[in-house]
N, C-alpha and C. Protein backbone atom coordinates (compact mmCIF):
# COMPACT_ATOMS: atom_id res chain seq x y z
N MET A 1 93.62 20.07 -57.62
CA MET A 1 94.55 21.09 -57.18
C MET A 1 95.49 21.44 -58.34
N ALA A 2 95.70 22.69 -58.58
CA ALA A 2 96.57 23.14 -59.66
C ALA A 2 98.02 22.88 -59.30
N GLU A 3 98.83 22.70 -60.33
CA GLU A 3 100.27 22.53 -60.16
C GLU A 3 100.99 23.24 -61.29
N LEU A 4 102.25 23.60 -61.03
CA LEU A 4 103.11 24.16 -62.08
C LEU A 4 103.99 23.04 -62.59
N ILE A 5 104.00 22.85 -63.90
CA ILE A 5 104.83 21.81 -64.47
C ILE A 5 105.62 22.38 -65.65
N ALA A 6 106.73 21.71 -65.96
CA ALA A 6 107.49 22.08 -67.16
C ALA A 6 106.65 21.70 -68.39
N PRO A 7 106.77 22.44 -69.48
CA PRO A 7 106.05 22.09 -70.70
C PRO A 7 106.33 20.65 -71.10
N THR A 8 105.31 19.97 -71.57
CA THR A 8 105.44 18.56 -71.93
C THR A 8 104.59 18.23 -73.16
N VAL A 9 105.11 17.36 -74.01
CA VAL A 9 104.35 16.94 -75.19
C VAL A 9 103.16 16.07 -74.80
N ARG A 10 103.19 15.50 -73.62
CA ARG A 10 102.10 14.65 -73.13
C ARG A 10 100.76 15.41 -73.13
N LEU A 11 100.81 16.73 -72.93
CA LEU A 11 99.59 17.52 -72.83
C LEU A 11 99.24 18.26 -74.13
N HIS A 12 99.70 17.75 -75.25
CA HIS A 12 99.45 18.41 -76.53
C HIS A 12 97.95 18.68 -76.74
N PRO A 13 97.06 17.68 -76.65
CA PRO A 13 95.63 17.97 -76.86
C PRO A 13 95.08 18.99 -75.85
N ALA A 14 95.49 18.90 -74.59
CA ALA A 14 95.01 19.84 -73.56
C ALA A 14 95.53 21.24 -73.84
N TRP A 15 96.78 21.35 -74.30
CA TRP A 15 97.34 22.66 -74.63
C TRP A 15 96.59 23.26 -75.82
N LEU A 16 96.31 22.44 -76.83
CA LEU A 16 95.57 22.94 -77.99
C LEU A 16 94.17 23.43 -77.60
N GLU A 17 93.54 22.76 -76.65
CA GLU A 17 92.23 23.20 -76.17
C GLU A 17 92.33 24.59 -75.53
N ALA A 18 93.35 24.79 -74.70
CA ALA A 18 93.55 26.10 -74.07
C ALA A 18 93.86 27.16 -75.13
N HIS A 19 94.71 26.80 -76.07
CA HIS A 19 95.11 27.71 -77.16
C HIS A 19 93.88 28.15 -77.96
N ALA A 20 92.99 27.21 -78.25
CA ALA A 20 91.77 27.53 -79.02
C ALA A 20 90.86 28.47 -78.23
N GLU A 21 90.85 28.32 -76.91
CA GLU A 21 89.98 29.18 -76.10
C GLU A 21 90.43 30.64 -76.14
N TRP A 22 91.75 30.88 -76.27
CA TRP A 22 92.22 32.26 -76.37
C TRP A 22 91.68 32.91 -77.64
N GLY A 23 91.61 32.14 -78.70
CA GLY A 23 91.10 32.66 -79.96
C GLY A 23 92.22 33.00 -80.91
N PRO A 24 91.92 33.00 -82.21
CA PRO A 24 92.94 33.26 -83.23
C PRO A 24 93.56 34.65 -83.09
N GLY A 25 94.86 34.68 -83.21
CA GLY A 25 95.58 35.95 -83.21
C GLY A 25 95.77 36.60 -81.85
N ARG A 26 95.26 36.00 -80.79
CA ARG A 26 95.39 36.57 -79.44
C ARG A 26 96.73 36.15 -78.85
N HIS A 27 97.40 37.08 -78.19
CA HIS A 27 98.66 36.78 -77.53
C HIS A 27 98.40 36.04 -76.23
N GLU A 28 99.13 34.96 -76.02
CA GLU A 28 98.96 34.14 -74.83
C GLU A 28 100.19 34.31 -73.94
N ASP A 29 100.14 35.26 -73.03
CA ASP A 29 101.27 35.53 -72.14
C ASP A 29 101.66 34.29 -71.36
N GLY A 30 102.97 34.12 -71.19
CA GLY A 30 103.48 33.04 -70.36
C GLY A 30 103.81 31.76 -71.08
N PHE A 31 103.45 31.64 -72.34
CA PHE A 31 103.69 30.40 -73.08
C PHE A 31 104.91 30.45 -73.99
N GLY A 32 105.43 31.62 -74.32
CA GLY A 32 106.57 31.69 -75.22
C GLY A 32 106.24 31.31 -76.65
N LEU A 33 104.99 31.49 -77.03
CA LEU A 33 104.55 31.13 -78.37
C LEU A 33 104.80 32.28 -79.32
N GLY A 34 105.56 31.99 -80.38
CA GLY A 34 105.86 33.01 -81.38
C GLY A 34 104.99 32.82 -82.61
N PRO A 35 104.89 33.86 -83.45
CA PRO A 35 104.02 33.78 -84.63
C PRO A 35 104.45 32.70 -85.62
N SER A 36 105.71 32.31 -85.63
CA SER A 36 106.16 31.29 -86.58
C SER A 36 106.15 29.88 -85.98
N ASP A 37 105.78 29.73 -84.72
CA ASP A 37 105.74 28.40 -84.10
C ASP A 37 104.55 27.61 -84.63
N GLU A 38 104.82 26.37 -85.03
CA GLU A 38 103.78 25.47 -85.54
C GLU A 38 103.50 24.47 -84.42
N VAL A 39 102.32 24.54 -83.85
CA VAL A 39 102.00 23.72 -82.68
C VAL A 39 100.87 22.73 -82.91
N ASP A 40 100.27 22.73 -84.09
CA ASP A 40 99.13 21.84 -84.34
C ASP A 40 99.54 20.39 -84.52
N SER A 41 100.61 20.14 -85.23
CA SER A 41 101.05 18.77 -85.46
C SER A 41 101.88 18.27 -84.27
N PRO A 42 101.88 16.97 -84.03
CA PRO A 42 102.71 16.44 -82.93
C PRO A 42 104.19 16.79 -83.09
N ALA A 43 104.72 16.74 -84.31
CA ALA A 43 106.13 17.06 -84.53
C ALA A 43 106.42 18.53 -84.27
N GLY A 44 105.55 19.40 -84.77
CA GLY A 44 105.73 20.83 -84.55
C GLY A 44 105.62 21.18 -83.07
N PHE A 45 104.65 20.58 -82.39
CA PHE A 45 104.47 20.82 -80.96
C PHE A 45 105.70 20.34 -80.18
N ALA A 46 106.22 19.16 -80.53
CA ALA A 46 107.40 18.62 -79.85
C ALA A 46 108.60 19.54 -80.04
N ALA A 47 108.77 20.08 -81.24
CA ALA A 47 109.88 21.01 -81.50
C ALA A 47 109.71 22.28 -80.68
N TRP A 48 108.49 22.78 -80.61
CA TRP A 48 108.23 23.99 -79.82
C TRP A 48 108.50 23.75 -78.34
N VAL A 49 108.02 22.64 -77.80
CA VAL A 49 108.25 22.32 -76.39
C VAL A 49 109.74 22.19 -76.11
N ALA A 50 110.47 21.55 -77.01
CA ALA A 50 111.93 21.42 -76.83
C ALA A 50 112.58 22.79 -76.80
N GLY A 51 112.09 23.71 -77.61
CA GLY A 51 112.62 25.07 -77.61
C GLY A 51 112.31 25.82 -76.33
N LEU A 52 111.24 25.43 -75.64
CA LEU A 52 110.90 26.06 -74.36
C LEU A 52 111.74 25.52 -73.23
N THR A 53 112.07 24.25 -73.29
CA THR A 53 112.80 23.65 -72.18
C THR A 53 114.29 23.93 -72.24
N ASP A 54 114.85 24.15 -73.42
CA ASP A 54 116.29 24.43 -73.53
C ASP A 54 116.72 25.70 -72.78
N PRO A 55 116.03 26.84 -72.94
CA PRO A 55 116.50 28.05 -72.27
C PRO A 55 116.22 28.10 -70.76
N SER A 56 115.56 27.06 -70.22
CA SER A 56 115.26 27.10 -68.79
C SER A 56 116.45 26.71 -67.93
N ASP A 57 117.48 26.15 -68.55
CA ASP A 57 118.69 25.78 -67.79
C ASP A 57 119.62 26.98 -67.76
N PRO A 58 119.81 27.61 -66.57
CA PRO A 58 120.65 28.81 -66.52
C PRO A 58 122.11 28.55 -66.89
N ALA A 59 122.54 27.28 -66.88
CA ALA A 59 123.92 26.96 -67.23
C ALA A 59 124.13 26.91 -68.74
N LYS A 60 123.05 26.77 -69.51
CA LYS A 60 123.16 26.70 -70.97
C LYS A 60 123.23 28.09 -71.57
N PRO A 61 124.09 28.27 -72.58
CA PRO A 61 124.12 29.58 -73.26
C PRO A 61 122.85 29.76 -74.09
N THR A 62 122.44 31.02 -74.26
CA THR A 62 121.26 31.33 -75.07
C THR A 62 121.69 32.16 -76.27
N ASP A 63 120.75 32.37 -77.19
CA ASP A 63 121.02 33.23 -78.34
C ASP A 63 121.39 34.63 -77.84
N ALA A 64 122.27 35.29 -78.58
CA ALA A 64 122.70 36.64 -78.20
C ALA A 64 121.49 37.55 -78.04
N GLY A 65 121.43 38.25 -76.92
CA GLY A 65 120.37 39.21 -76.67
C GLY A 65 119.07 38.60 -76.17
N LYS A 66 118.98 37.28 -76.15
CA LYS A 66 117.75 36.62 -75.70
C LYS A 66 118.02 36.02 -74.32
N PRO A 67 117.19 36.37 -73.34
CA PRO A 67 117.44 35.86 -71.99
C PRO A 67 117.07 34.39 -71.86
N GLY A 68 117.73 33.69 -70.93
CA GLY A 68 117.26 32.38 -70.56
C GLY A 68 115.88 32.54 -69.97
N CYS A 69 115.08 31.48 -69.99
CA CYS A 69 113.71 31.60 -69.53
C CYS A 69 113.22 30.25 -69.00
N THR A 70 112.57 30.29 -67.86
CA THR A 70 111.94 29.10 -67.30
C THR A 70 110.44 29.20 -67.56
N TYR A 71 109.91 28.23 -68.30
CA TYR A 71 108.49 28.18 -68.61
C TYR A 71 107.82 27.14 -67.73
N ARG A 72 106.65 27.47 -67.24
CA ARG A 72 105.83 26.53 -66.48
C ARG A 72 104.39 26.65 -66.97
N TRP A 73 103.72 25.52 -67.01
CA TRP A 73 102.30 25.50 -67.33
C TRP A 73 101.53 25.32 -66.04
N ILE A 74 100.40 25.99 -65.96
CA ILE A 74 99.50 25.85 -64.83
C ILE A 74 98.48 24.78 -65.24
N VAL A 75 98.52 23.65 -64.53
CA VAL A 75 97.75 22.48 -64.94
C VAL A 75 96.94 21.97 -63.76
N GLU A 76 95.72 21.53 -64.06
CA GLU A 76 94.87 20.90 -63.05
C GLU A 76 94.14 19.74 -63.72
N ASN A 77 94.34 18.54 -63.18
CA ASN A 77 93.71 17.33 -63.75
C ASN A 77 93.99 17.21 -65.25
N ASP A 78 95.23 17.41 -65.63
CA ASP A 78 95.68 17.33 -67.04
C ASP A 78 94.99 18.35 -67.95
N ARG A 79 94.46 19.41 -67.38
CA ARG A 79 93.87 20.51 -68.14
C ARG A 79 94.80 21.71 -68.02
N VAL A 80 95.25 22.25 -69.14
CA VAL A 80 96.14 23.41 -69.15
C VAL A 80 95.31 24.66 -68.90
N LEU A 81 95.60 25.32 -67.77
CA LEU A 81 94.83 26.51 -67.38
C LEU A 81 95.55 27.81 -67.71
N GLY A 82 96.87 27.74 -67.88
CA GLY A 82 97.63 28.94 -68.19
C GLY A 82 99.11 28.64 -68.26
N GLY A 83 99.88 29.70 -68.42
CA GLY A 83 101.33 29.57 -68.48
C GLY A 83 101.99 30.75 -67.80
N ILE A 84 103.23 30.53 -67.37
CA ILE A 84 104.00 31.60 -66.73
C ILE A 84 105.45 31.43 -67.14
N ALA A 85 106.11 32.54 -67.39
CA ALA A 85 107.50 32.52 -67.84
C ALA A 85 108.34 33.41 -66.93
N LEU A 86 109.47 32.89 -66.52
CA LEU A 86 110.44 33.64 -65.72
C LEU A 86 111.69 33.85 -66.58
N ARG A 87 111.90 35.10 -66.99
CA ARG A 87 113.07 35.44 -67.80
C ARG A 87 114.25 35.71 -66.88
N HIS A 88 115.38 35.12 -67.21
CA HIS A 88 116.58 35.24 -66.39
C HIS A 88 117.36 36.50 -66.77
N GLY A 89 118.09 37.04 -65.82
CA GLY A 89 119.02 38.12 -66.11
C GLY A 89 118.37 39.47 -66.28
N SER A 90 119.10 40.34 -67.00
CA SER A 90 118.64 41.73 -67.16
C SER A 90 118.95 42.24 -68.56
N SER A 91 118.61 41.46 -69.57
CA SER A 91 118.83 41.86 -70.96
C SER A 91 117.93 43.04 -71.32
N ASP A 92 118.14 43.61 -72.50
CA ASP A 92 117.27 44.70 -72.97
C ASP A 92 115.82 44.23 -73.01
N PHE A 93 115.60 42.99 -73.44
CA PHE A 93 114.25 42.45 -73.51
C PHE A 93 113.61 42.42 -72.12
N VAL A 94 114.32 41.94 -71.13
CA VAL A 94 113.80 41.88 -69.76
C VAL A 94 113.53 43.28 -69.23
N ARG A 95 114.36 44.24 -69.60
CA ARG A 95 114.18 45.60 -69.10
C ARG A 95 112.88 46.24 -69.60
N TRP A 96 112.33 45.80 -70.73
CA TRP A 96 111.06 46.37 -71.16
C TRP A 96 109.89 45.40 -70.95
N ALA A 97 110.12 44.08 -71.05
CA ALA A 97 109.02 43.11 -70.92
C ALA A 97 108.86 42.57 -69.50
N GLY A 98 109.90 42.72 -68.69
CA GLY A 98 109.83 42.22 -67.33
C GLY A 98 110.42 40.83 -67.18
N HIS A 99 110.67 40.45 -65.95
CA HIS A 99 111.19 39.12 -65.66
C HIS A 99 110.09 38.06 -65.75
N LEU A 100 108.86 38.44 -65.46
CA LEU A 100 107.76 37.48 -65.41
C LEU A 100 106.62 37.89 -66.32
N GLY A 101 106.08 36.91 -67.01
CA GLY A 101 104.89 37.11 -67.82
C GLY A 101 103.99 35.90 -67.63
N TYR A 102 102.70 36.12 -67.58
CA TYR A 102 101.78 35.01 -67.32
C TYR A 102 100.45 35.27 -67.99
N GLY A 103 99.72 34.20 -68.20
CA GLY A 103 98.38 34.29 -68.76
C GLY A 103 97.54 33.12 -68.29
N ILE A 104 96.27 33.39 -68.05
CA ILE A 104 95.31 32.37 -67.63
C ILE A 104 94.22 32.29 -68.71
N ARG A 105 93.89 31.08 -69.13
CA ARG A 105 92.86 30.94 -70.16
C ARG A 105 91.55 31.53 -69.65
N PRO A 106 90.75 32.10 -70.53
CA PRO A 106 89.55 32.82 -70.10
C PRO A 106 88.64 32.05 -69.14
N SER A 107 88.41 30.76 -69.37
CA SER A 107 87.48 30.01 -68.52
C SER A 107 88.03 29.71 -67.12
N ALA A 108 89.32 29.94 -66.90
CA ALA A 108 89.93 29.66 -65.59
C ALA A 108 90.24 30.94 -64.80
N ARG A 109 89.89 32.08 -65.34
CA ARG A 109 90.18 33.35 -64.66
C ARG A 109 89.28 33.56 -63.45
N GLY A 110 89.75 34.40 -62.53
CA GLY A 110 88.95 34.75 -61.36
C GLY A 110 89.08 33.76 -60.21
N ARG A 111 90.00 32.81 -60.31
CA ARG A 111 90.18 31.79 -59.27
C ARG A 111 91.43 32.02 -58.43
N GLY A 112 92.20 33.07 -58.74
CA GLY A 112 93.44 33.31 -58.00
C GLY A 112 94.63 32.53 -58.53
N LEU A 113 94.49 31.92 -59.70
CA LEU A 113 95.58 31.11 -60.26
C LEU A 113 96.81 31.93 -60.60
N ALA A 114 96.62 33.13 -61.13
CA ALA A 114 97.77 33.96 -61.49
C ALA A 114 98.56 34.35 -60.24
N THR A 115 97.87 34.72 -59.17
CA THR A 115 98.55 35.08 -57.92
C THR A 115 99.31 33.87 -57.38
N TRP A 116 98.67 32.73 -57.39
CA TRP A 116 99.30 31.49 -56.92
C TRP A 116 100.54 31.17 -57.75
N ALA A 117 100.41 31.20 -59.08
CA ALA A 117 101.54 30.86 -59.96
C ALA A 117 102.68 31.89 -59.81
N LEU A 118 102.33 33.17 -59.75
CA LEU A 118 103.36 34.20 -59.59
C LEU A 118 104.12 34.00 -58.29
N SER A 119 103.41 33.70 -57.21
CA SER A 119 104.11 33.49 -55.93
C SER A 119 105.06 32.31 -56.01
N ARG A 120 104.69 31.25 -56.72
CA ARG A 120 105.58 30.09 -56.87
C ARG A 120 106.81 30.44 -57.72
N MET A 121 106.60 31.23 -58.76
CA MET A 121 107.73 31.58 -59.63
C MET A 121 108.68 32.56 -58.94
N LEU A 122 108.19 33.31 -57.98
CA LEU A 122 109.10 34.17 -57.21
C LEU A 122 110.12 33.31 -56.46
N ASP A 123 109.71 32.14 -55.99
CA ASP A 123 110.65 31.21 -55.36
C ASP A 123 111.71 30.76 -56.36
N GLU A 124 111.30 30.48 -57.60
CA GLU A 124 112.27 30.09 -58.63
C GLU A 124 113.22 31.24 -58.95
N ALA A 125 112.70 32.45 -58.98
CA ALA A 125 113.55 33.63 -59.23
C ALA A 125 114.59 33.77 -58.13
N ARG A 126 114.17 33.57 -56.92
CA ARG A 126 115.09 33.62 -55.78
C ARG A 126 116.18 32.55 -55.94
N GLY A 127 115.77 31.37 -56.39
CA GLY A 127 116.71 30.28 -56.62
C GLY A 127 117.74 30.59 -57.71
N LEU A 128 117.39 31.48 -58.63
CA LEU A 128 118.33 31.91 -59.67
C LEU A 128 119.26 33.01 -59.17
N GLY A 129 119.06 33.46 -57.94
CA GLY A 129 119.91 34.50 -57.37
C GLY A 129 119.41 35.91 -57.61
N LEU A 130 118.18 36.05 -58.13
CA LEU A 130 117.64 37.40 -58.33
C LEU A 130 117.18 37.95 -56.99
N ASP A 131 117.45 39.23 -56.75
CA ASP A 131 116.99 39.84 -55.49
C ASP A 131 115.72 40.66 -55.67
N ARG A 132 115.37 40.97 -56.93
CA ARG A 132 114.11 41.62 -57.24
C ARG A 132 113.79 41.35 -58.69
N VAL A 133 112.49 41.42 -59.01
CA VAL A 133 112.05 41.15 -60.38
C VAL A 133 111.11 42.25 -60.85
N LEU A 134 111.13 42.48 -62.14
CA LEU A 134 110.26 43.43 -62.79
C LEU A 134 109.08 42.67 -63.39
N VAL A 135 107.86 43.16 -63.12
CA VAL A 135 106.65 42.59 -63.71
C VAL A 135 105.91 43.73 -64.40
N VAL A 136 105.51 43.49 -65.64
CA VAL A 136 104.91 44.52 -66.48
C VAL A 136 103.53 44.04 -66.94
N CYS A 137 102.56 44.95 -66.98
CA CYS A 137 101.25 44.59 -67.52
C CYS A 137 100.66 45.80 -68.24
N ALA A 138 99.69 45.53 -69.09
CA ALA A 138 98.99 46.60 -69.81
C ALA A 138 98.30 47.52 -68.79
N VAL A 139 98.24 48.79 -69.09
CA VAL A 139 97.67 49.75 -68.14
C VAL A 139 96.21 49.45 -67.79
N ASP A 140 95.48 48.82 -68.70
CA ASP A 140 94.07 48.55 -68.45
C ASP A 140 93.79 47.14 -67.94
N ASN A 141 94.83 46.38 -67.61
CA ASN A 141 94.66 45.01 -67.13
C ASN A 141 94.52 45.01 -65.61
N VAL A 142 93.33 45.29 -65.14
CA VAL A 142 93.05 45.43 -63.71
C VAL A 142 93.37 44.14 -62.96
N ALA A 143 93.06 42.99 -63.54
CA ALA A 143 93.32 41.71 -62.87
C ALA A 143 94.82 41.52 -62.63
N SER A 144 95.64 41.86 -63.62
CA SER A 144 97.10 41.72 -63.44
C SER A 144 97.62 42.72 -62.41
N VAL A 145 97.10 43.92 -62.43
CA VAL A 145 97.51 44.91 -61.43
C VAL A 145 97.27 44.35 -60.03
N LYS A 146 96.08 43.79 -59.79
CA LYS A 146 95.76 43.22 -58.48
C LYS A 146 96.68 42.05 -58.14
N THR A 147 96.95 41.19 -59.13
CA THR A 147 97.83 40.05 -58.91
C THR A 147 99.22 40.51 -58.50
N ILE A 148 99.76 41.44 -59.25
CA ILE A 148 101.12 41.93 -58.98
C ILE A 148 101.18 42.61 -57.61
N GLU A 149 100.21 43.42 -57.30
CA GLU A 149 100.21 44.11 -56.01
C GLU A 149 100.03 43.14 -54.85
N ARG A 150 99.23 42.08 -55.02
CA ARG A 150 99.08 41.06 -53.98
C ARG A 150 100.42 40.38 -53.67
N CYS A 151 101.25 40.30 -54.68
CA CYS A 151 102.55 39.64 -54.53
C CYS A 151 103.66 40.61 -54.16
N GLY A 152 103.30 41.80 -53.72
CA GLY A 152 104.29 42.75 -53.24
C GLY A 152 104.82 43.71 -54.28
N GLY A 153 104.21 43.77 -55.46
CA GLY A 153 104.67 44.67 -56.50
C GLY A 153 104.56 46.12 -56.10
N VAL A 154 105.63 46.86 -56.32
CA VAL A 154 105.68 48.30 -56.03
C VAL A 154 105.69 49.02 -57.37
N PHE A 155 104.71 49.87 -57.59
CA PHE A 155 104.54 50.58 -58.86
C PHE A 155 105.70 51.53 -59.11
N GLU A 156 106.33 51.37 -60.29
CA GLU A 156 107.41 52.26 -60.70
C GLU A 156 106.89 53.38 -61.59
N GLY A 157 105.99 53.05 -62.49
CA GLY A 157 105.47 54.04 -63.42
C GLY A 157 104.92 53.37 -64.67
N ILE A 158 104.56 54.21 -65.63
CA ILE A 158 104.01 53.73 -66.90
C ILE A 158 104.99 54.13 -68.00
N ARG A 159 105.27 53.17 -68.88
CA ARG A 159 106.15 53.43 -70.03
C ARG A 159 105.48 52.95 -71.30
N ASP A 160 105.80 53.63 -72.38
CA ASP A 160 105.31 53.19 -73.68
C ASP A 160 106.15 52.00 -74.15
N THR A 161 105.48 51.01 -74.74
CA THR A 161 106.14 49.86 -75.34
C THR A 161 105.60 49.69 -76.74
N LYS A 162 106.15 48.75 -77.49
CA LYS A 162 105.64 48.52 -78.84
C LYS A 162 104.22 47.96 -78.82
N PHE A 163 103.75 47.50 -77.65
CA PHE A 163 102.40 46.99 -77.51
C PHE A 163 101.46 47.99 -76.84
N GLY A 164 101.94 49.20 -76.61
CA GLY A 164 101.14 50.22 -75.95
C GLY A 164 101.69 50.51 -74.56
N PRO A 165 101.04 51.41 -73.82
CA PRO A 165 101.53 51.77 -72.50
C PRO A 165 101.43 50.59 -71.53
N ALA A 166 102.45 50.48 -70.67
CA ALA A 166 102.50 49.37 -69.72
C ALA A 166 102.84 49.89 -68.33
N ARG A 167 102.20 49.29 -67.33
CA ARG A 167 102.51 49.56 -65.92
C ARG A 167 103.70 48.68 -65.53
N ARG A 168 104.63 49.28 -64.78
CA ARG A 168 105.83 48.56 -64.35
C ARG A 168 105.86 48.46 -62.83
N TYR A 169 106.13 47.25 -62.34
CA TYR A 169 106.20 46.98 -60.91
C TYR A 169 107.48 46.22 -60.59
N TRP A 170 108.05 46.50 -59.43
CA TRP A 170 109.19 45.75 -58.91
C TRP A 170 108.73 44.97 -57.68
N ILE A 171 109.17 43.72 -57.62
CA ILE A 171 108.90 42.89 -56.45
C ILE A 171 110.24 42.51 -55.83
N GLU A 172 110.42 42.92 -54.58
CA GLU A 172 111.61 42.53 -53.81
C GLU A 172 111.41 41.08 -53.38
N LEU A 173 112.42 40.24 -53.57
CA LEU A 173 112.22 38.81 -53.34
C LEU A 173 112.37 38.38 -51.89
N TYR A 174 112.73 39.28 -51.03
CA TYR A 174 112.72 38.91 -49.61
C TYR A 174 111.31 38.96 -49.06
N ASP A 175 110.35 39.56 -49.81
CA ASP A 175 108.97 39.66 -49.38
C ASP A 175 108.10 38.96 -50.44
N THR A 176 107.54 37.81 -50.12
CA THR A 176 106.76 37.05 -51.09
C THR A 176 105.28 37.20 -50.83
N CYS A 177 104.48 36.54 -51.64
CA CYS A 177 103.03 36.58 -51.44
C CYS A 177 102.57 35.37 -50.64
N PHE A 178 103.26 35.04 -49.59
CA PHE A 178 102.91 33.88 -48.78
C PHE A 178 101.47 33.96 -48.28
N ARG A 179 101.10 35.10 -47.75
CA ARG A 179 99.75 35.18 -47.17
C ARG A 179 98.70 35.02 -48.25
N THR A 180 98.95 35.55 -49.44
CA THR A 180 97.97 35.42 -50.52
C THR A 180 97.92 33.99 -51.02
N SER A 181 99.09 33.36 -51.22
CA SER A 181 99.08 32.00 -51.74
C SER A 181 98.48 31.05 -50.73
N THR A 182 98.67 31.30 -49.45
CA THR A 182 98.07 30.48 -48.40
C THR A 182 96.56 30.65 -48.42
N ALA A 183 96.10 31.89 -48.58
CA ALA A 183 94.66 32.14 -48.64
C ALA A 183 94.05 31.44 -49.85
N TRP A 184 94.75 31.46 -50.98
CA TRP A 184 94.24 30.79 -52.18
C TRP A 184 94.14 29.30 -51.93
N THR A 185 95.17 28.70 -51.32
CA THR A 185 95.16 27.27 -51.05
C THR A 185 94.03 26.92 -50.10
N GLU A 186 93.84 27.72 -49.05
CA GLU A 186 92.77 27.45 -48.09
C GLU A 186 91.41 27.60 -48.74
N ALA A 187 91.26 28.54 -49.64
CA ALA A 187 89.98 28.75 -50.31
C ALA A 187 89.65 27.56 -51.22
N ARG A 188 90.68 26.91 -51.73
CA ARG A 188 90.49 25.78 -52.64
C ARG A 188 90.19 24.48 -51.90
N SER A 189 90.47 24.42 -50.58
CA SER A 189 90.27 23.17 -49.84
C SER A 189 88.81 22.95 -49.51
């Protein structure tokens, strides 16, 4: 059974396996991995993980203009299947990238993991006091469109970003994807 966990150095080899599956130069949504992050060595990985866990505490101040962020890894039997990030607040970055970003490694796609993880993170967003969240995806990402809509996403429109045109959806947090997450859990039993 999959679970959402905070990033941990314990899963360094499993994370590297997932990272390799994405392929060189591919963006891995939901992990907070930047181009200058060194994750191959244990020390570099530990520094990166520490950088992910610091901004998840809403009481801690963050760098100017950078939102706090809660990172979770989607893990099953110590295998990293994906990542999801919940950006706090409403900074300029959140206004174009959205409150939530997620990615599932190629070999784990098609199982409903993104819908399941998104529904769980909506609970965390509610816990932060957010009443609605923005979720953004590439216009041609049909799987993400379905995931967002299953979780109650209401289409706002398409906007150009530095990564190309993106579909924008708002999810009101009083309406969650309970029925979808329940169906996913039942399908997995």
